[in-house]
Amino acid sequence: QVHFTESGGGLVPPGGSLRLSCVFSELLYRGYPIHWYRQVPGNQRHSIASITADGLTRTYDDSVKGRFTISRDNAKNTVYLQMNSLKAEDTAVYYCNLDPRVQEAWGQGTQVSVSS
């Protein structure tokens, strides 16, 4: 039923940090690349970071490169997103999922709000 559960969002001032967690329910996802996506109301969801199954290769959108770090711990069925130097433009709902070509149902996401 529920494949992904996101947590860790909140309200932070500009320049602050948050660490998001994504717990996946299917053991087979340990063998899949996983993405973090974000969405602002009225806009499409976009991938901002991805990580390969072994955790050795990471990709980032230019908007977050140098500030965000994606990681995973397959033994805990968990993917993380460490977000530093947060900007107002990072305000969005954050989700995790598979590659767009094989993605499963979306979770509820976790809200990140950056405001002074």
PDB file of N, CA and C in Angstrom:
ATOM      1  N   GLN A   1       0.841  -1.192   0.000  1.00  0.00           N
ATOM      2  CA  GLN A   1       0.000   0.000   0.000  1.00  0.00           C
ATOM      3  C   GLN A   1       0.883   1.252   0.000  1.00  0.00           C
ATOM      4  N   VAL A   2       1.552   1.542   1.131  1.00  0.00           N
ATOM      5  CA  VAL A   2       2.432   2.688   1.239  1.00  0.00           C
ATOM      6  C   VAL A   2       3.859   2.235   0.981  1.00  0.00           C
ATOM      7  N   HIS A   3       4.481   2.796  -0.060  1.00  0.00           N
ATOM      8  CA  HIS A   3       5.831   2.403  -0.440  1.00  0.00           C
ATOM      9  C   HIS A   3       6.916   3.304   0.130  1.00  0.00           C
ATOM     10  N   PHE A   4       6.593   4.590   0.359  1.00  0.00           N
ATOM     11  CA  PHE A   4       7.570   5.560   0.833  1.00  0.00           C
ATOM     12  C   PHE A   4       6.962   6.428   1.921  1.00  0.00           C
ATOM     13  N   THR A   5       7.736   6.656   2.993  1.00  0.00           N
ATOM     14  CA  THR A   5       7.302   7.504   4.093  1.00  0.00           C
ATOM     15  C   THR A   5       8.391   8.534   4.374  1.00  0.00           C
ATOM     16  N   GLU A   6       8.078   9.809   4.128  1.00  0.00           N
ATOM     17  CA  GLU A   6       9.029  10.900   4.301  1.00  0.00           C
ATOM     18  C   GLU A   6       8.813  11.592   5.637  1.00  0.00           C
ATOM     19  N   SER A   7       9.900  12.109   6.224  1.00  0.00           N
ATOM     20  CA  SER A   7       9.814  12.834   7.486  1.00  0.00           C
ATOM     21  C   SER A   7      11.004  13.773   7.617  1.00  0.00           C
ATOM     22  N   GLY A   8      10.952  14.657   8.601  1.00  0.00           N
ATOM     23  CA  GLY A   8      12.071  15.527   8.920  1.00  0.00           C
ATOM     24  C   GLY A   8      11.924  16.971   8.503  1.00  0.00           C
ATOM     25  N   GLY A   9      10.846  17.315   7.796  1.00  0.00           N
ATOM     26  CA  GLY A   9      10.647  18.688   7.376  1.00  0.00           C
ATOM     27  C   GLY A   9      10.298  19.595   8.537  1.00  0.00           C
ATOM     28  N   GLY A  10      10.223  20.895   8.238  1.00  0.00           N
ATOM     29  CA  GLY A  10       9.890  21.866   9.259  1.00  0.00           C
ATOM     30  C   GLY A  10      10.107  23.279   8.774  1.00  0.00           C
ATOM     31  N   LEU A  11       9.992  24.229   9.695  1.00  0.00           N
ATOM     32  CA  LEU A  11      10.192  25.650   9.416  1.00  0.00           C
ATOM     33  C   LEU A  11      11.567  26.072   9.919  1.00  0.00           C
ATOM     34  N   VAL A  12      12.379  26.629   9.023  1.00  0.00           N
ATOM     35  CA  VAL A  12      13.732  27.061   9.386  1.00  0.00           C
ATOM     36  C   VAL A  12      14.018  28.419   8.765  1.00  0.00           C
ATOM     37  N   PRO A  13      14.908  29.216   9.373  1.00  0.00           N
ATOM     38  CA  PRO A  13      15.288  30.500   8.786  1.00  0.00           C
ATOM     39  C   PRO A  13      16.272  30.304   7.638  1.00  0.00           C
ATOM     40  N   PRO A  14      16.390  31.289   6.750  1.00  0.00           N
ATOM     41  CA  PRO A  14      17.411  31.198   5.691  1.00  0.00           C
ATOM     42  C   PRO A  14      18.789  30.930   6.280  1.00  0.00           C
ATOM     43  N   GLY A  15      19.542  30.053   5.626  1.00  0.00           N
ATOM     44  CA  GLY A  15      20.850  29.651   6.115  1.00  0.00           C
ATOM     45  C   GLY A  15      20.827  28.453   7.035  1.00  0.00           C
ATOM     46  N   GLY A  16      19.658  28.015   7.429  1.00  0.00           N
ATOM     47  CA  GLY A  16      19.529  26.888   8.331  1.00  0.00           C
ATOM     48  C   GLY A  16      19.699  25.548   7.642  1.00  0.00           C
ATOM     49  N   SER A  17      19.554  24.477   8.423  1.00  0.00           N
ATOM     50  CA  SER A  17      19.750  23.114   7.930  1.00  0.00           C
ATOM     51  C   SER A  17      18.618  22.209   8.379  1.00  0.00           C
ATOM     52  N   LEU A  18      18.353  21.186   7.570  1.00  0.00           N
ATOM     53  CA  LEU A  18      17.411  20.124   7.902  1.00  0.00           C
ATOM     54  C   LEU A  18      17.944  18.819   7.344  1.00  0.00           C
ATOM     55  N   ARG A  19      17.562  17.713   7.978  1.00  0.00           N
ATOM     56  CA  ARG A  19      17.874  16.381   7.467  1.00  0.00           C
ATOM     57  C   ARG A  19      16.574  15.619   7.280  1.00  0.00           C
ATOM     58  N   LEU A  20      16.263  15.273   6.034  1.00  0.00           N
ATOM     59  CA  LEU A  20      15.064  14.528   5.711  1.00  0.00           C
ATOM     60  C   LEU A  20      15.365  13.032   5.657  1.00  0.00           C
ATOM     61  N   SER A  21      14.359  12.228   6.001  1.00  0.00           N
ATOM     62  CA  SER A  21      14.472  10.777   5.925  1.00  0.00           C
ATOM     63  C   SER A  21      13.357  10.215   5.067  1.00  0.00           C
ATOM     64  N   CYS A  22      13.653   9.154   4.351  1.00  0.00           N
ATOM     65  CA  CYS A  22      12.687   8.444   3.513  1.00  0.00           C
ATOM     66  C   CYS A  22      12.835   6.964   3.795  1.00  0.00           C
ATOM     67  N   VAL A  23      11.805   6.359   4.353  1.00  0.00           N
ATOM     68  CA  VAL A  23      11.802   4.925   4.619  1.00  0.00           C
ATOM     69  C   VAL A  23      10.990   4.240   3.527  1.00  0.00           C
ATOM     70  N   PHE A  24      11.592   3.240   2.869  1.00  0.00           N
ATOM     71  CA  PHE A  24      10.870   2.509   1.839  1.00  0.00           C
ATOM     72  C   PHE A  24      10.479   1.123   2.353  1.00  0.00           C
ATOM     73  N   SER A  25       9.321   0.647   1.903  1.00  0.00           N
ATOM     74  CA  SER A  25       8.715  -0.559   2.458  1.00  0.00           C
ATOM     75  C   SER A  25       9.103  -1.837   1.723  1.00  0.00           C
ATOM     76  N   GLU A  26       9.587  -1.735   0.504  1.00  0.00           N
ATOM     77  CA  GLU A  26       9.896  -2.907  -0.309  1.00  0.00           C
ATOM     78  C   GLU A  26      11.390  -3.185  -0.300  1.00  0.00           C
ATOM     79  N   LEU A  27      11.745  -4.417   0.123  1.00  0.00           N
ATOM     80  CA  LEU A  27      13.156  -4.781   0.177  1.00  0.00           C
ATOM     81  C   LEU A  27      13.831  -4.682  -1.183  1.00  0.00           C
ATOM     82  N   LEU A  28      13.085  -4.933  -2.266  1.00  0.00           N
ATOM     83  CA  LEU A  28      13.701  -4.902  -3.585  1.00  0.00           C
ATOM     84  C   LEU A  28      14.211  -3.520  -3.951  1.00  0.00           C
ATOM     85  N   TYR A  29      13.705  -2.462  -3.300  1.00  0.00           N
ATOM     86  CA  TYR A  29      14.184  -1.107  -3.589  1.00  0.00           C
ATOM     87  C   TYR A  29      15.628  -0.911  -3.159  1.00  0.00           C
ATOM     88  N   ARG A  30      16.146  -1.818  -2.345  1.00  0.00           N
ATOM     89  CA  ARG A  30      17.569  -1.764  -2.012  1.00  0.00           C
ATOM     90  C   ARG A  30      18.434  -1.871  -3.266  1.00  0.00           C
ATOM     91  N   GLY A  31      17.881  -2.458  -4.319  1.00  0.00           N
ATOM     92  CA  GLY A  31      18.592  -2.618  -5.571  1.00  0.00           C
ATOM     93  C   GLY A  31      18.257  -1.585  -6.629  1.00  0.00           C
ATOM     94  N   TYR A  32      17.537  -0.532  -6.269  1.00  0.00           N
ATOM     95  CA  TYR A  32      17.121   0.508  -7.206  1.00  0.00           C
ATOM     96  C   TYR A  32      17.748   1.852  -6.867  1.00  0.00           C
ATOM     97  N   PRO A  33      18.065   2.656  -7.885  1.00  0.00           N
ATOM     98  CA  PRO A  33      18.347   4.068  -7.604  1.00  0.00           C
ATOM     99  C   PRO A  33      17.109   4.733  -7.023  1.00  0.00           C
ATOM    100  N   ILE A  34      17.309   5.675  -6.128  1.00  0.00           N
ATOM    101  CA  ILE A  34      16.209   6.397  -5.510  1.00  0.00           C
ATOM    102  C   ILE A  34      16.484   7.890  -5.633  1.00  0.00           C
ATOM    103  N   HIS A  35      15.395   8.645  -5.845  1.00  0.00           N
ATOM    104  CA  HIS A  35      15.454  10.092  -6.023  1.00  0.00           C
ATOM    105  C   HIS A  35      14.751  10.813  -4.894  1.00  0.00           C
ATOM    106  N   TRP A  36      15.197  12.019  -4.612  1.00  0.00           N
ATOM    107  CA  TRP A  36      14.411  13.005  -3.891  1.00  0.00           C
ATOM    108  C   TRP A  36      13.803  13.963  -4.915  1.00  0.00           C
ATOM    109  N   TYR A  37      12.515  14.225  -4.768  1.00  0.00           N
ATOM    110  CA  TYR A  37      11.781  15.166  -5.604  1.00  0.00           C
ATOM    111  C   TYR A  37      11.231  16.283  -4.724  1.00  0.00           C
ATOM    112  N   ARG A  38      10.931  17.425  -5.328  1.00  0.00           N
ATOM    113  CA  ARG A  38      10.220  18.459  -4.594  1.00  0.00           C
ATOM    114  C   ARG A  38       9.190  19.129  -5.496  1.00  0.00           C
ATOM    115  N   GLN A  39       8.171  19.704  -4.857  1.00  0.00           N
ATOM    116  CA  GLN A  39       7.062  20.294  -5.590  1.00  0.00           C
ATOM    117  C   GLN A  39       6.538  21.517  -4.858  1.00  0.00           C
ATOM    118  N   VAL A  40       6.365  22.592  -5.597  1.00  0.00           N
ATOM    119  CA  VAL A  40       5.702  23.805  -5.131  1.00  0.00           C
ATOM    120  C   VAL A  40       4.290  23.785  -5.715  1.00  0.00           C
ATOM    121  N   PRO A  41       3.274  24.222  -4.954  1.00  0.00           N
ATOM    122  CA  PRO A  41       1.911  24.237  -5.495  1.00  0.00           C
ATOM    123  C   PRO A  41       1.829  24.935  -6.849  1.00  0.00           C
ATOM    124  N   GLY A  42       1.157  24.291  -7.811  1.00  0.00           N
ATOM    125  CA  GLY A  42       1.029  24.839  -9.147  1.00  0.00           C
ATOM    126  C   GLY A  42       2.142  24.455 -10.092  1.00  0.00           C
ATOM    127  N   ASN A  43       3.131  23.726  -9.615  1.00  0.00           N
ATOM    128  CA  ASN A  43       4.262  23.319 -10.443  1.00  0.00           C
ATOM    129  C   ASN A  43       4.410  21.800 -10.466  1.00  0.00           C
ATOM    130  N   GLN A  44       5.184  21.310 -11.428  1.00  0.00           N
ATOM    131  CA  GLN A  44       5.469  19.882 -11.526  1.00  0.00           C
ATOM    132  C   GLN A  44       6.469  19.453 -10.455  1.00  0.00           C
ATOM    133  N   ARG A  45       6.376  18.194 -10.072  1.00  0.00           N
ATOM    134  CA  ARG A  45       7.413  17.605  -9.241  1.00  0.00           C
ATOM    135  C   ARG A  45       8.676  17.412 -10.079  1.00  0.00           C
ATOM    136  N   HIS A  46       9.827  17.737  -9.496  1.00  0.00           N
ATOM    137  CA  HIS A  46      11.101  17.572 -10.179  1.00  0.00           C
ATOM    138  C   HIS A  46      12.091  16.847  -9.285  1.00  0.00           C
ATOM    139  N   SER A  47      12.888  15.982  -9.896  1.00  0.00           N
ATOM    140  CA  SER A  47      13.971  15.336  -9.175  1.00  0.00           C
ATOM    141  C   SER A  47      15.067  16.347  -8.883  1.00  0.00           C
ATOM    142  N   ILE A  48      15.551  16.380  -7.646  1.00  0.00           N
ATOM    143  CA  ILE A  48      16.640  17.274  -7.281  1.00  0.00           C
ATOM    144  C   ILE A  48      17.901  16.523  -6.864  1.00  0.00           C
ATOM    145  N   ALA A  49      17.780  15.220  -6.608  1.00  0.00           N
ATOM    146  CA  ALA A  49      18.937  14.422  -6.214  1.00  0.00           C
ATOM    147  C   ALA A  49      18.631  12.957  -6.432  1.00  0.00           C
ATOM    148  N   SER A  50      19.654  12.155  -6.721  1.00  0.00           N
ATOM    149  CA  SER A  50      19.473  10.722  -6.873  1.00  0.00           C
ATOM    150  C   SER A  50      20.703  10.004  -6.349  1.00  0.00           C
ATOM    151  N   ILE A  51      20.523   8.710  -6.054  1.00  0.00           N
ATOM    152  CA  ILE A  51      21.612   7.904  -5.536  1.00  0.00           C
ATOM    153  C   ILE A  51      21.454   6.483  -6.053  1.00  0.00           C
ATOM    154  N   THR A  52      22.548   5.857  -6.467  1.00  0.00           N
ATOM    155  CA  THR A  52      22.501   4.501  -6.980  1.00  0.00           C
ATOM    156  C   THR A  52      22.301   3.509  -5.849  1.00  0.00           C
ATOM    157  N   ALA A  53      22.004   2.255  -6.217  1.00  0.00           N
ATOM    158  CA  ALA A  53      21.689   1.238  -5.225  1.00  0.00           C
ATOM    159  C   ALA A  53      22.821   1.037  -4.224  1.00  0.00           C
ATOM    160  N   ASP A  54      24.068   1.100  -4.700  1.00  0.00           N
ATOM    161  CA  ASP A  54      25.207   0.891  -3.808  1.00  0.00           C
ATOM    162  C   ASP A  54      25.635   2.163  -3.087  1.00  0.00           C
ATOM    163  N   GLY A  55      24.973   3.284  -3.386  1.00  0.00           N
ATOM    164  CA  GLY A  55      25.272   4.540  -2.721  1.00  0.00           C
ATOM    165  C   GLY A  55      26.525   5.235  -3.192  1.00  0.00           C
ATOM    166  N   LEU A  56      27.172   4.732  -4.226  1.00  0.00           N
ATOM    167  CA  LEU A  56      28.460   5.265  -4.640  1.00  0.00           C
ATOM    168  C   LEU A  56      28.377   6.387  -5.662  1.00  0.00           C
ATOM    169  N   THR A  57      27.255   6.494  -6.379  1.00  0.00           N
ATOM    170  CA  THR A  57      27.102   7.539  -7.380  1.00  0.00           C
ATOM    171  C   THR A  57      25.905   8.400  -7.023  1.00  0.00           C
ATOM    172  N   ARG A  58      26.125   9.713  -6.980  1.00  0.00           N
ATOM    173  CA  ARG A  58      25.081  10.665  -6.618  1.00  0.00           C
ATOM    174  C   ARG A  58      24.982  11.734  -7.694  1.00  0.00           C
ATOM    175  N   THR A  59      23.762  12.186  -7.955  1.00  0.00           N
ATOM    176  CA  THR A  59      23.545  13.286  -8.881  1.00  0.00           C
ATOM    177  C   THR A  59      22.707  14.348  -8.200  1.00  0.00           C
ATOM    178  N   TYR A  60      22.879  15.611  -8.644  1.00  0.00           N
ATOM    179  CA  TYR A  60      22.163  16.732  -8.063  1.00  0.00           C
ATOM    180  C   TYR A  60      21.738  17.706  -9.142  1.00  0.00           C
ATOM    181  N   ASP A  61      20.571  18.287  -8.957  1.00  0.00           N
ATOM    182  CA  ASP A  61      20.176  19.407  -9.778  1.00  0.00           C
ATOM    183  C   ASP A  61      21.051  20.612  -9.437  1.00  0.00           C
ATOM    184  N   ASP A  62      21.293  21.465 -10.421  1.00  0.00           N
ATOM    185  CA  ASP A  62      22.146  22.634 -10.193  1.00  0.00           C
ATOM    186  C   ASP A  62      21.620  23.534  -9.081  1.00  0.00           C
ATOM    187  N   SER A  63      20.316  23.529  -8.866  1.00  0.00           N
ATOM    188  CA  SER A  63      19.734  24.404  -7.865  1.00  0.00           C
ATOM    189  C   SER A  63      20.115  24.019  -6.438  1.00  0.00           C
ATOM    190  N   VAL A  64      20.560  22.772  -6.223  1.00  0.00           N
ATOM    191  CA  VAL A  64      20.900  22.313  -4.883  1.00  0.00           C
ATOM    192  C   VAL A  64      22.338  21.823  -4.760  1.00  0.00           C
ATOM    193  N   LYS A  65      23.047  21.704  -5.866  1.00  0.00           N
ATOM    194  CA  LYS A  65      24.418  21.196  -5.834  1.00  0.00           C
ATOM    195  C   LYS A  65      25.290  22.069  -4.939  1.00  0.00           C
ATOM    196  N   GLY A  66      26.069  21.412  -4.097  1.00  0.00           N
ATOM    197  CA  GLY A  66      26.946  22.112  -3.177  1.00  0.00           C
ATOM    198  C   GLY A  66      26.309  22.417  -1.841  1.00  0.00           C
ATOM    199  N   ARG A  67      24.997  22.281  -1.743  1.00  0.00           N
ATOM    200  CA  ARG A  67      24.284  22.560  -0.497  1.00  0.00           C
ATOM    201  C   ARG A  67      23.606  21.317   0.081  1.00  0.00           C
ATOM    202  N   PHE A  68      23.130  20.414  -0.778  1.00  0.00           N
ATOM    203  CA  PHE A  68      22.408  19.218  -0.343  1.00  0.00           C
ATOM    204  C   PHE A  68      23.271  17.980  -0.568  1.00  0.00           C
ATOM    205  N   THR A  69      23.096  16.978   0.297  1.00  0.00           N
ATOM    206  CA  THR A  69      23.792  15.703   0.162  1.00  0.00           C
ATOM    207  C   THR A  69      22.801  14.562   0.342  1.00  0.00           C
ATOM    208  N   ILE A  70      22.734  13.669  -0.645  1.00  0.00           N
ATOM    209  CA  ILE A  70      21.880  12.495  -0.557  1.00  0.00           C
ATOM    210  C   ILE A  70      22.727  11.303  -0.111  1.00  0.00           C
ATOM    211  N   SER A  71      22.149  10.437   0.722  1.00  0.00           N
ATOM    212  CA  SER A  71      22.832   9.236   1.177  1.00  0.00           C
ATOM    213  C   SER A  71      21.790   8.158   1.439  1.00  0.00           C
ATOM    214  N   ARG A  72      22.248   6.927   1.673  1.00  0.00           N
ATOM    215  CA  ARG A  72      21.303   5.850   1.962  1.00  0.00           C
ATOM    216  C   ARG A  72      21.928   4.818   2.878  1.00  0.00           C
ATOM    217  N   ASP A  73      21.071   4.116   3.610  1.00  0.00           N
ATOM    218  CA  ASP A  73      21.458   3.008   4.464  1.00  0.00           C
ATOM    219  C   ASP A  73      20.477   1.887   4.170  1.00  0.00           C
ATOM    220  N   ASN A  74      20.864   0.989   3.272  1.00  0.00           N
ATOM    221  CA  ASN A  74      19.948  -0.063   2.846  1.00  0.00           C
ATOM    222  C   ASN A  74      19.569  -1.013   3.983  1.00  0.00           C
ATOM    223  N   ALA A  75      20.443  -1.190   4.957  1.00  0.00           N
ATOM    224  CA  ALA A  75      20.124  -2.041   6.102  1.00  0.00           C
ATOM    225  C   ALA A  75      18.947  -1.493   6.896  1.00  0.00           C
ATOM    226  N   LYS A  76      18.719  -0.171   6.813  1.00  0.00           N
ATOM    227  CA  LYS A  76      17.596   0.471   7.481  1.00  0.00           C
ATOM    228  C   LYS A  76      16.476   0.847   6.524  1.00  0.00           C
ATOM    229  N   ASN A  77      16.587   0.446   5.263  1.00  0.00           N
ATOM    230  CA  ASN A  77      15.588   0.782   4.243  1.00  0.00           C
ATOM    231  C   ASN A  77      15.326   2.285   4.216  1.00  0.00           C
ATOM    232  N   THR A  78      16.390   3.074   4.280  1.00  0.00           N
ATOM    233  CA  THR A  78      16.246   4.516   4.440  1.00  0.00           C
ATOM    234  C   THR A  78      17.179   5.273   3.501  1.00  0.00           C
ATOM    235  N   VAL A  79      16.654   6.364   2.926  1.00  0.00           N
ATOM    236  CA  VAL A  79      17.419   7.330   2.153  1.00  0.00           C
ATOM    237  C   VAL A  79      17.317   8.673   2.866  1.00  0.00           C
ATOM    238  N   TYR A  80      18.413   9.422   2.889  1.00  0.00           N
ATOM    239  CA  TYR A  80      18.468  10.695   3.595  1.00  0.00           C
ATOM    240  C   TYR A  80      18.759  11.842   2.633  1.00  0.00           C
ATOM    241  N   LEU A  81      18.371  13.042   3.039  1.00  0.00           N
ATOM    242  CA  LEU A  81      18.751  14.252   2.331  1.00  0.00           C
ATOM    243  C   LEU A  81      19.172  15.295   3.363  1.00  0.00           C
ATOM    244  N   GLN A  82      20.471  15.560   3.437  1.00  0.00           N
ATOM    245  CA  GLN A  82      20.992  16.614   4.298  1.00  0.00           C
ATOM    246  C   GLN A  82      20.956  17.921   3.529  1.00  0.00           C
ATOM    247  N   MET A  83      20.260  18.914   4.056  1.00  0.00           N
ATOM    248  CA  MET A  83      20.080  20.197   3.392  1.00  0.00           C
ATOM    249  C   MET A  83      20.719  21.288   4.237  1.00  0.00           C
ATOM    250  N   ASN A  84      21.714  21.956   3.690  1.00  0.00           N
ATOM    251  CA  ASN A  84      22.409  23.046   4.358  1.00  0.00           C
ATOM    252  C   ASN A  84      22.234  24.339   3.572  1.00  0.00           C
ATOM    253  N   SER A  85      22.524  25.455   4.223  1.00  0.00           N
ATOM    254  CA  SER A  85      22.444  26.774   3.583  1.00  0.00           C
ATOM    255  C   SER A  85      21.109  26.968   2.877  1.00  0.00           C
ATOM    256  N   LEU A  86      20.038  26.667   3.571  1.00  0.00           N
ATOM    257  CA  LEU A  86      18.714  26.702   2.960  1.00  0.00           C
ATOM    258  C   LEU A  86      18.319  28.112   2.549  1.00  0.00           C
ATOM    259  N   LYS A  87      17.618  28.191   1.422  1.00  0.00           N
ATOM    260  CA  LYS A  87      17.138  29.441   0.856  1.00  0.00           C
ATOM    261  C   LYS A  87      15.617  29.420   0.795  1.00  0.00           C
ATOM    262  N   ALA A  88      15.018  30.599   0.667  1.00  0.00           N
ATOM    263  CA  ALA A  88      13.571  30.683   0.541  1.00  0.00           C
ATOM    264  C   ALA A  88      13.071  29.869  -0.650  1.00  0.00           C
ATOM    265  N   GLU A  89      13.859  29.812  -1.715  1.00  0.00           N
ATOM    266  CA  GLU A  89      13.477  29.069  -2.910  1.00  0.00           C
ATOM    267  C   GLU A  89      13.410  27.558  -2.689  1.00  0.00           C
ATOM    268  N   ASP A  90      13.943  27.062  -1.573  1.00  0.00           N
ATOM    269  CA  ASP A  90      13.875  25.639  -1.252  1.00  0.00           C
ATOM    270  C   ASP A  90      12.541  25.249  -0.628  1.00  0.00           C
ATOM    271  N   THR A  91      11.699  26.218  -0.327  1.00  0.00           N
ATOM    272  CA  THR A  91      10.394  25.928   0.256  1.00  0.00           C
ATOM    273  C   THR A  91       9.572  25.075  -0.711  1.00  0.00           C
ATOM    274  N   ALA A  92       9.135  23.910  -0.256  1.00  0.00           N
ATOM    275  CA  ALA A  92       8.418  22.959  -1.100  1.00  0.00           C
ATOM    276  C   ALA A  92       8.034  21.754  -0.261  1.00  0.00           C
ATOM    277  N   VAL A  93       7.248  20.859  -0.863  1.00  0.00           N
ATOM    278  CA  VAL A  93       7.013  19.546  -0.288  1.00  0.00           C
ATOM    279  C   VAL A  93       8.014  18.593  -0.919  1.00  0.00           C
ATOM    280  N   TYR A  94       8.697  17.816  -0.092  1.00  0.00           N
ATOM    281  CA  TYR A  94       9.754  16.920  -0.545  1.00  0.00           C
ATOM    282  C   TYR A  94       9.276  15.475  -0.489  1.00  0.00           C
ATOM    283  N   TYR A  95       9.543  14.728  -1.562  1.00  0.00           N
ATOM    284  CA  TYR A  95       9.139  13.336  -1.707  1.00  0.00           C
ATOM    285  C   TYR A  95      10.333  12.493  -2.129  1.00  0.00           C
ATOM    286  N   CYS A  96      10.249  11.194  -1.869  1.00  0.00           N
ATOM    287  CA  CYS A  96      11.201  10.264  -2.451  1.00  0.00           C
ATOM    288  C   CYS A  96      10.444   9.252  -3.307  1.00  0.00           C
ATOM    289  N   ASN A  97      11.129   8.693  -4.297  1.00  0.00           N
ATOM    290  CA  ASN A  97      10.533   7.711  -5.177  1.00  0.00           C
ATOM    291  C   ASN A  97      11.626   7.135  -6.070  1.00  0.00           C
ATOM    292  N   LEU A  98      11.224   6.231  -6.943  1.00  0.00           N
ATOM    293  CA  LEU A  98      12.141   5.623  -7.889  1.00  0.00           C
ATOM    294  C   LEU A  98      12.346   6.531  -9.099  1.00  0.00           C
ATOM    295  N   ASP A  99      13.124   6.064 -10.056  1.00  0.00           N
ATOM    296  CA  ASP A  99      13.278   6.759 -11.324  1.00  0.00           C
ATOM    297  C   ASP A  99      11.904   6.990 -11.949  1.00  0.00           C
ATOM    298  N   PRO A 100      11.699   8.128 -12.632  1.00  0.00           N
ATOM    299  CA  PRO A 100      10.376   8.418 -13.214  1.00  0.00           C
ATOM    300  C   PRO A 100       9.802   7.306 -14.089  1.00  0.00           C
ATOM    301  N   ARG A 101      10.642   6.519 -14.739  1.00  0.00           N
ATOM    302  CA  ARG A 101      10.152   5.471 -15.632  1.00  0.00           C
ATOM    303  C   ARG A 101       9.554   4.277 -14.894  1.00  0.00           C
ATOM    304  N   VAL A 102       9.893   4.087 -13.620  1.00  0.00           N
ATOM    305  CA  VAL A 102       9.421   2.928 -12.867  1.00  0.00           C
ATOM    306  C   VAL A 102       8.854   3.324 -11.508  1.00  0.00           C
ATOM    307  N   GLN A 103       8.484   4.568 -11.334  1.00  0.00           N
ATOM    308  CA  GLN A 103       8.082   5.067 -10.026  1.00  0.00           C
ATOM    309  C   GLN A 103       6.802   4.406  -9.531  1.00  0.00           C
ATOM    310  N   GLU A 104       6.700   4.333  -8.209  1.00  0.00           N
ATOM    311  CA  GLU A 104       5.526   3.795  -7.543  1.00  0.00           C
ATOM    312  C   GLU A 104       4.648   4.939  -7.046  1.00  0.00           C
ATOM    313  N   ALA A 105       3.591   4.585  -6.316  1.00  0.00           N
ATOM    314  CA  ALA A 105       2.696   5.601  -5.775  1.00  0.00           C
ATOM    315  C   ALA A 105       3.456   6.548  -4.848  1.00  0.00           C
ATOM    316  N   TRP A 106       3.049   7.827  -4.863  1.00  0.00           N
ATOM    317  CA  TRP A 106       3.697   8.836  -4.036  1.00  0.00           C
ATOM    318  C   TRP A 106       3.259   8.740  -2.584  1.00  0.00           C
ATOM    319  N   GLY A 107       4.187   9.020  -1.678  1.00  0.00           N
ATOM    320  CA  GLY A 107       3.839   9.178  -0.280  1.00  0.00           C
ATOM    321  C   GLY A 107       3.244  10.547  -0.031  1.00  0.00           C
ATOM    322  N   GLN A 108       3.080  10.899   1.250  1.00  0.00           N
ATOM    323  CA  GLN A 108       2.501  12.193   1.596  1.00  0.00           C
ATOM    324  C   GLN A 108       3.502  13.336   1.493  1.00  0.00           C
ATOM    325  N   GLY A 109       4.779  13.035   1.480  1.00  0.00           N
ATOM    326  CA  GLY A 109       5.803  14.058   1.434  1.00  0.00           C
ATOM    327  C   GLY A 109       5.997  14.718   2.789  1.00  0.00           C
ATOM    328  N   THR A 110       7.017  15.572   2.875  1.00  0.00           N
ATOM    329  CA  THR A 110       7.271  16.327   4.088  1.00  0.00           C
ATOM    330  C   THR A 110       7.524  17.784   3.712  1.00  0.00           C
ATOM    331  N   GLN A 111       6.876  18.708   4.421  1.00  0.00           N
ATOM    332  CA  GLN A 111       6.929  20.131   4.093  1.00  0.00           C
ATOM    333  C   GLN A 111       8.196  20.765   4.642  1.00  0.00           C
ATOM    334  N   VAL A 112       8.902  21.488   3.776  1.00  0.00           N
ATOM    335  CA  VAL A 112      10.045  22.303   4.175  1.00  0.00           C
ATOM    336  C   VAL A 112       9.691  23.757   3.894  1.00  0.00           C
ATOM    337  N   SER A 113       9.753  24.600   4.914  1.00  0.00           N
ATOM    338  CA  SER A 113       9.465  26.024   4.772  1.00  0.00           C
ATOM    339  C   SER A 113      10.661  26.814   5.268  1.00  0.00           C
ATOM    340  N   VAL A 114      11.214  27.665   4.405  1.00  0.00           N
ATOM    341  CA  VAL A 114      12.377  28.483   4.737  1.00  0.00           C
ATOM    342  C   VAL A 114      11.928  29.937   4.757  1.00  0.00           C
ATOM    343  N   SER A 115      11.923  30.522   5.932  1.00  0.00           N
ATOM    344  CA  SER A 115      11.410  31.882   6.089  1.00  0.00           C
ATOM    345  C   SER A 115      11.970  32.499   7.354  1.00  0.00           C
ATOM    346  N   SER A 116      12.199  33.809   7.309  1.00  0.00           N
ATOM    347  CA  SER A 116      12.633  34.544   8.487  1.00  0.00           C
ATOM    348  C   SER A 116      11.455  35.150   9.230  1.00  0.00           C
TER     349      SER A 116
END
